[in-house]
């Protein structure tokens, strides 16, 4: 299977995304219900990334900007392993003071990165994260074919 992310082509994705009949369509919400990873596939774990620049400082106090920067940072972390967003199997998303208005920016960023085949994702509302200005954080699990 070939998947394109931005200008780079990814070939031979190791995992499969399945959204079973009988469950609602999760794609508009920015996630998929299930993923499988074949035996022998190398897993790459990406620690919680947030909307920071290279200096570690939060790039903006705006939630949507932090979401976009967070996913860019995940892309940088994946690239260090020769991977990109197309290799991500699972996201664990943390949102400070979560409410429904925050779903749109998250789903939009996921749609931009993964199109109609988003990874599995769990969203967790939290009171705070590591620093007071951090409003959004994401851990990622990727599979190398």
C-alpha atoms as a PDB file:
ATOM      1  CA  UNK A   1       0.000   0.000   0.000  1.00  0.00           C
ATOM      2  CA  UNK A   2       1.318   3.462  -0.831  1.00  0.00           C
ATOM      3  CA  UNK A   3       0.424   6.547   1.174  1.00  0.00           C
ATOM      4  CA  UNK A   4       1.549  10.075   0.531  1.00  0.00           C
ATOM      5  CA  UNK A   5       2.217  12.600   3.268  1.00  0.00           C
ATOM      6  CA  UNK A   6       3.115  16.088   2.102  1.00  0.00           C
ATOM      7  CA  UNK A   7       5.807  15.610  -0.575  1.00  0.00           C
ATOM      8  CA  UNK A   8       7.296  12.355   0.681  1.00  0.00           C
ATOM      9  CA  UNK A   9       6.043   8.941  -0.425  1.00  0.00           C
ATOM     10  CA  UNK A  10       5.786   6.139   2.108  1.00  0.00           C
ATOM     11  CA  UNK A  11       5.827   2.584   0.796  1.00  0.00           C
ATOM     12  CA  UNK A  12       4.877  -0.672   2.543  1.00  0.00           C
ATOM     13  CA  UNK A  13       3.068   0.543   5.615  1.00  0.00           C
ATOM     14  CA  UNK A  14       3.271  -2.211   8.224  1.00  0.00           C
ATOM     15  CA  UNK A  15      -0.131  -1.722   9.805  1.00  0.00           C
ATOM     16  CA  UNK A  16      -3.765  -1.929   8.733  1.00  0.00           C
ATOM     17  CA  UNK A  17      -6.561   0.391   9.873  1.00  0.00           C
ATOM     18  CA  UNK A  18     -10.046  -1.145  10.172  1.00  0.00           C
ATOM     19  CA  UNK A  19     -13.309   0.568  11.086  1.00  0.00           C
ATOM     20  CA  UNK A  20     -15.744  -2.317  11.537  1.00  0.00           C
ATOM     21  CA  UNK A  21     -19.343  -2.320  10.403  1.00  0.00           C
ATOM     22  CA  UNK A  22     -21.596  -1.995  13.435  1.00  0.00           C
ATOM     23  CA  UNK A  23     -19.550   0.865  14.942  1.00  0.00           C
ATOM     24  CA  UNK A  24     -20.021   4.537  14.088  1.00  0.00           C
ATOM     25  CA  UNK A  25     -17.733   6.179  11.508  1.00  0.00           C
ATOM     26  CA  UNK A  26     -14.939   7.695  13.633  1.00  0.00           C
ATOM     27  CA  UNK A  27     -12.999   9.295  10.759  1.00  0.00           C
ATOM     28  CA  UNK A  28     -14.799  12.689  10.914  1.00  0.00           C
ATOM     29  CA  UNK A  29     -13.768  12.822  14.577  1.00  0.00           C
ATOM     30  CA  UNK A  30     -10.096  12.232  13.747  1.00  0.00           C
ATOM     31  CA  UNK A  31      -9.509   8.613  14.682  1.00  0.00           C
ATOM     32  CA  UNK A  32     -10.061   4.979  13.692  1.00  0.00           C
ATOM     33  CA  UNK A  33     -11.426   2.154  15.823  1.00  0.00           C
ATOM     34  CA  UNK A  34      -8.771  -0.516  15.278  1.00  0.00           C
ATOM     35  CA  UNK A  35      -5.313  -1.135  13.869  1.00  0.00           C
ATOM     36  CA  UNK A  36      -3.265  -4.276  13.437  1.00  0.00           C
ATOM     37  CA  UNK A  37       0.518  -4.553  13.385  1.00  0.00           C
ATOM     38  CA  UNK A  38       2.055  -7.765  12.014  1.00  0.00           C
ATOM     39  CA  UNK A  39       4.490  -9.820  14.075  1.00  0.00           C
ATOM     40  CA  UNK A  40       8.095  -8.830  13.569  1.00  0.00           C
ATOM     41  CA  UNK A  41       7.283  -5.160  12.986  1.00  0.00           C
ATOM     42  CA  UNK A  42       9.530  -2.695  14.809  1.00  0.00           C
ATOM     43  CA  UNK A  43       7.602  -0.278  17.020  1.00  0.00           C
ATOM     44  CA  UNK A  44       8.758   3.316  17.528  1.00  0.00           C
ATOM     45  CA  UNK A  45       7.366   5.137  20.560  1.00  0.00           C
ATOM     46  CA  UNK A  46       7.229   8.932  20.502  1.00  0.00           C
ATOM     47  CA  UNK A  47       7.082  10.622  23.914  1.00  0.00           C
ATOM     48  CA  UNK A  48       4.484  13.302  24.553  1.00  0.00           C
ATOM     49  CA  UNK A  49       5.033  16.147  22.121  1.00  0.00           C
ATOM     50  CA  UNK A  50       3.542  19.604  22.598  1.00  0.00           C
ATOM     51  CA  UNK A  51       3.377  22.879  20.676  1.00  0.00           C
ATOM     52  CA  UNK A  52       6.999  23.887  21.213  1.00  0.00           C
ATOM     53  CA  UNK A  53       9.682  25.326  19.004  1.00  0.00           C
ATOM     54  CA  UNK A  54      13.229  23.907  18.884  1.00  0.00           C
ATOM     55  CA  UNK A  55      14.045  25.797  22.110  1.00  0.00           C
ATOM     56  CA  UNK A  56      11.280  23.975  24.030  1.00  0.00           C
ATOM     57  CA  UNK A  57       9.187  27.118  24.518  1.00  0.00           C
ATOM     58  CA  UNK A  58       5.506  26.982  23.597  1.00  0.00           C
ATOM     59  CA  UNK A  59       5.062  28.696  20.216  1.00  0.00           C
ATOM     60  CA  UNK A  60       1.653  30.214  20.980  1.00  0.00           C
ATOM     61  CA  UNK A  61      -0.983  30.419  23.685  1.00  0.00           C
ATOM     62  CA  UNK A  62      -3.598  29.661  20.999  1.00  0.00           C
ATOM     63  CA  UNK A  63      -4.955  26.099  21.254  1.00  0.00           C
ATOM     64  CA  UNK A  64      -5.219  25.551  17.485  1.00  0.00           C
ATOM     65  CA  UNK A  65      -1.634  26.715  16.896  1.00  0.00           C
ATOM     66  CA  UNK A  66      -0.405  24.375  19.633  1.00  0.00           C
ATOM     67  CA  UNK A  67      -2.253  21.473  17.994  1.00  0.00           C
ATOM     68  CA  UNK A  68      -0.670  22.194  14.596  1.00  0.00           C
ATOM     69  CA  UNK A  69       2.828  22.588  16.072  1.00  0.00           C
ATOM     70  CA  UNK A  70       2.432  19.407  18.109  1.00  0.00           C
ATOM     71  CA  UNK A  71       1.750  17.353  14.979  1.00  0.00           C
ATOM     72  CA  UNK A  72       4.671  19.020  13.180  1.00  0.00           C
ATOM     73  CA  UNK A  73       6.872  17.996  16.129  1.00  0.00           C
ATOM     74  CA  UNK A  74       5.629  14.419  15.896  1.00  0.00           C
ATOM     75  CA  UNK A  75       6.636  14.500  12.228  1.00  0.00           C
ATOM     76  CA  UNK A  76      10.153  15.653  13.177  1.00  0.00           C
ATOM     77  CA  UNK A  77      10.461  12.903  15.791  1.00  0.00           C
ATOM     78  CA  UNK A  78       9.315  10.273  13.289  1.00  0.00           C
ATOM     79  CA  UNK A  79      11.699  11.555  10.610  1.00  0.00           C
ATOM     80  CA  UNK A  80      14.607  10.887  12.998  1.00  0.00           C
ATOM     81  CA  UNK A  81      13.716   7.203  12.510  1.00  0.00           C
ATOM     82  CA  UNK A  82      13.107   7.449   8.755  1.00  0.00           C
ATOM     83  CA  UNK A  83       9.343   7.408   9.272  1.00  0.00           C
ATOM     84  CA  UNK A  84       6.458   9.828   8.806  1.00  0.00           C
ATOM     85  CA  UNK A  85       2.862  10.231   9.956  1.00  0.00           C
ATOM     86  CA  UNK A  86       1.754   7.377   7.694  1.00  0.00           C
ATOM     87  CA  UNK A  87       3.554   4.955  10.021  1.00  0.00           C
ATOM     88  CA  UNK A  88       1.602   6.037  13.123  1.00  0.00           C
ATOM     89  CA  UNK A  89      -0.687   3.347  14.519  1.00  0.00           C
ATOM     90  CA  UNK A  90      -1.902   5.018  17.713  1.00  0.00           C
ATOM     91  CA  UNK A  91      -2.155   8.451  19.294  1.00  0.00           C
ATOM     92  CA  UNK A  92      -2.773   9.247  22.933  1.00  0.00           C
ATOM     93  CA  UNK A  93      -3.970  12.841  23.139  1.00  0.00           C
ATOM     94  CA  UNK A  94      -4.091  14.993  26.270  1.00  0.00           C
ATOM     95  CA  UNK A  95      -6.181  18.190  26.307  1.00  0.00           C
ATOM     96  CA  UNK A  96      -6.155  20.710  29.151  1.00  0.00           C
ATOM     97  CA  UNK A  97      -9.696  21.688  30.210  1.00  0.00           C
ATOM     98  CA  UNK A  98     -11.206  19.704  27.368  1.00  0.00           C
ATOM     99  CA  UNK A  99     -14.535  20.756  25.895  1.00  0.00           C
ATOM    100  CA  UNK A 100     -16.306  19.985  22.630  1.00  0.00           C
ATOM    101  CA  UNK A 101     -14.997  23.165  20.941  1.00  0.00           C
ATOM    102  CA  UNK A 102     -11.494  21.670  20.963  1.00  0.00           C
ATOM    103  CA  UNK A 103     -12.496  18.649  18.877  1.00  0.00           C
ATOM    104  CA  UNK A 104     -12.615  20.649  15.620  1.00  0.00           C
ATOM    105  CA  UNK A 105      -8.972  21.768  15.638  1.00  0.00           C
ATOM    106  CA  UNK A 106      -7.810  18.288  16.664  1.00  0.00           C
ATOM    107  CA  UNK A 107      -9.886  16.493  14.008  1.00  0.00           C
ATOM    108  CA  UNK A 108      -8.738  19.042  11.408  1.00  0.00           C
ATOM    109  CA  UNK A 109      -5.064  18.457  12.182  1.00  0.00           C
ATOM    110  CA  UNK A 110      -5.544  14.691  12.090  1.00  0.00           C
ATOM    111  CA  UNK A 111      -7.413  14.945   8.779  1.00  0.00           C
ATOM    112  CA  UNK A 112      -4.564  17.050   7.355  1.00  0.00           C
ATOM    113  CA  UNK A 113      -1.963  14.502   8.446  1.00  0.00           C
ATOM    114  CA  UNK A 114      -3.767  11.228   7.748  1.00  0.00           C
ATOM    115  CA  UNK A 115      -6.698  11.946   5.438  1.00  0.00           C
ATOM    116  CA  UNK A 116      -9.338   9.210   5.559  1.00  0.00           C
ATOM    117  CA  UNK A 117      -7.133   6.652   7.377  1.00  0.00           C
ATOM    118  CA  UNK A 118      -6.351   8.204  10.768  1.00  0.00           C
ATOM    119  CA  UNK A 119      -4.645   6.105  13.435  1.00  0.00           C
ATOM    120  CA  UNK A 120      -6.426   4.909  16.522  1.00  0.00           C
ATOM    121  CA  UNK A 121      -6.628   7.650  19.118  1.00  0.00           C
ATOM    122  CA  UNK A 122      -7.685   8.128  22.701  1.00  0.00           C
ATOM    123  CA  UNK A 123      -8.399  11.656  23.914  1.00  0.00           C
ATOM    124  CA  UNK A 124      -7.933  12.337  27.610  1.00  0.00           C
ATOM    125  CA  UNK A 125      -9.045  15.566  29.282  1.00  0.00           C
ATOM    126  CA  UNK A 126      -6.614  16.724  31.979  1.00  0.00           C
ATOM    127  CA  UNK A 127      -6.411  19.601  34.449  1.00  0.00           C
ATOM    128  CA  UNK A 128      -2.876  20.531  33.420  1.00  0.00           C
ATOM    129  CA  UNK A 129       0.249  19.280  31.676  1.00  0.00           C
ATOM    130  CA  UNK A 130       3.995  19.665  32.356  1.00  0.00           C
ATOM    131  CA  UNK A 131       4.098  23.466  32.024  1.00  0.00           C
ATOM    132  CA  UNK A 132       1.375  26.077  32.550  1.00  0.00           C
ATOM    133  CA  UNK A 133       1.319  27.214  28.885  1.00  0.00           C
ATOM    134  CA  UNK A 134       1.033  23.681  27.449  1.00  0.00           C
ATOM    135  CA  UNK A 135      -2.593  23.081  26.412  1.00  0.00           C
ATOM    136  CA  UNK A 136      -2.188  19.981  24.225  1.00  0.00           C
ATOM    137  CA  UNK A 137       0.138  16.971  24.168  1.00  0.00           C
ATOM    138  CA  UNK A 138       0.276  13.813  22.057  1.00  0.00           C
ATOM    139  CA  UNK A 139       2.124  10.499  22.405  1.00  0.00           C
ATOM    140  CA  UNK A 140       2.473   8.399  19.264  1.00  0.00           C
ATOM    141  CA  UNK A 141       3.162   4.757  18.474  1.00  0.00           C
ATOM    142  CA  UNK A 142       4.516   4.056  14.987  1.00  0.00           C
ATOM    143  CA  UNK A 143       5.251   0.803  13.160  1.00  0.00           C
ATOM    144  CA  UNK A 144       8.272   0.315  10.903  1.00  0.00           C
ATOM    145  CA  UNK A 145       7.713  -2.302   8.197  1.00  0.00           C
END
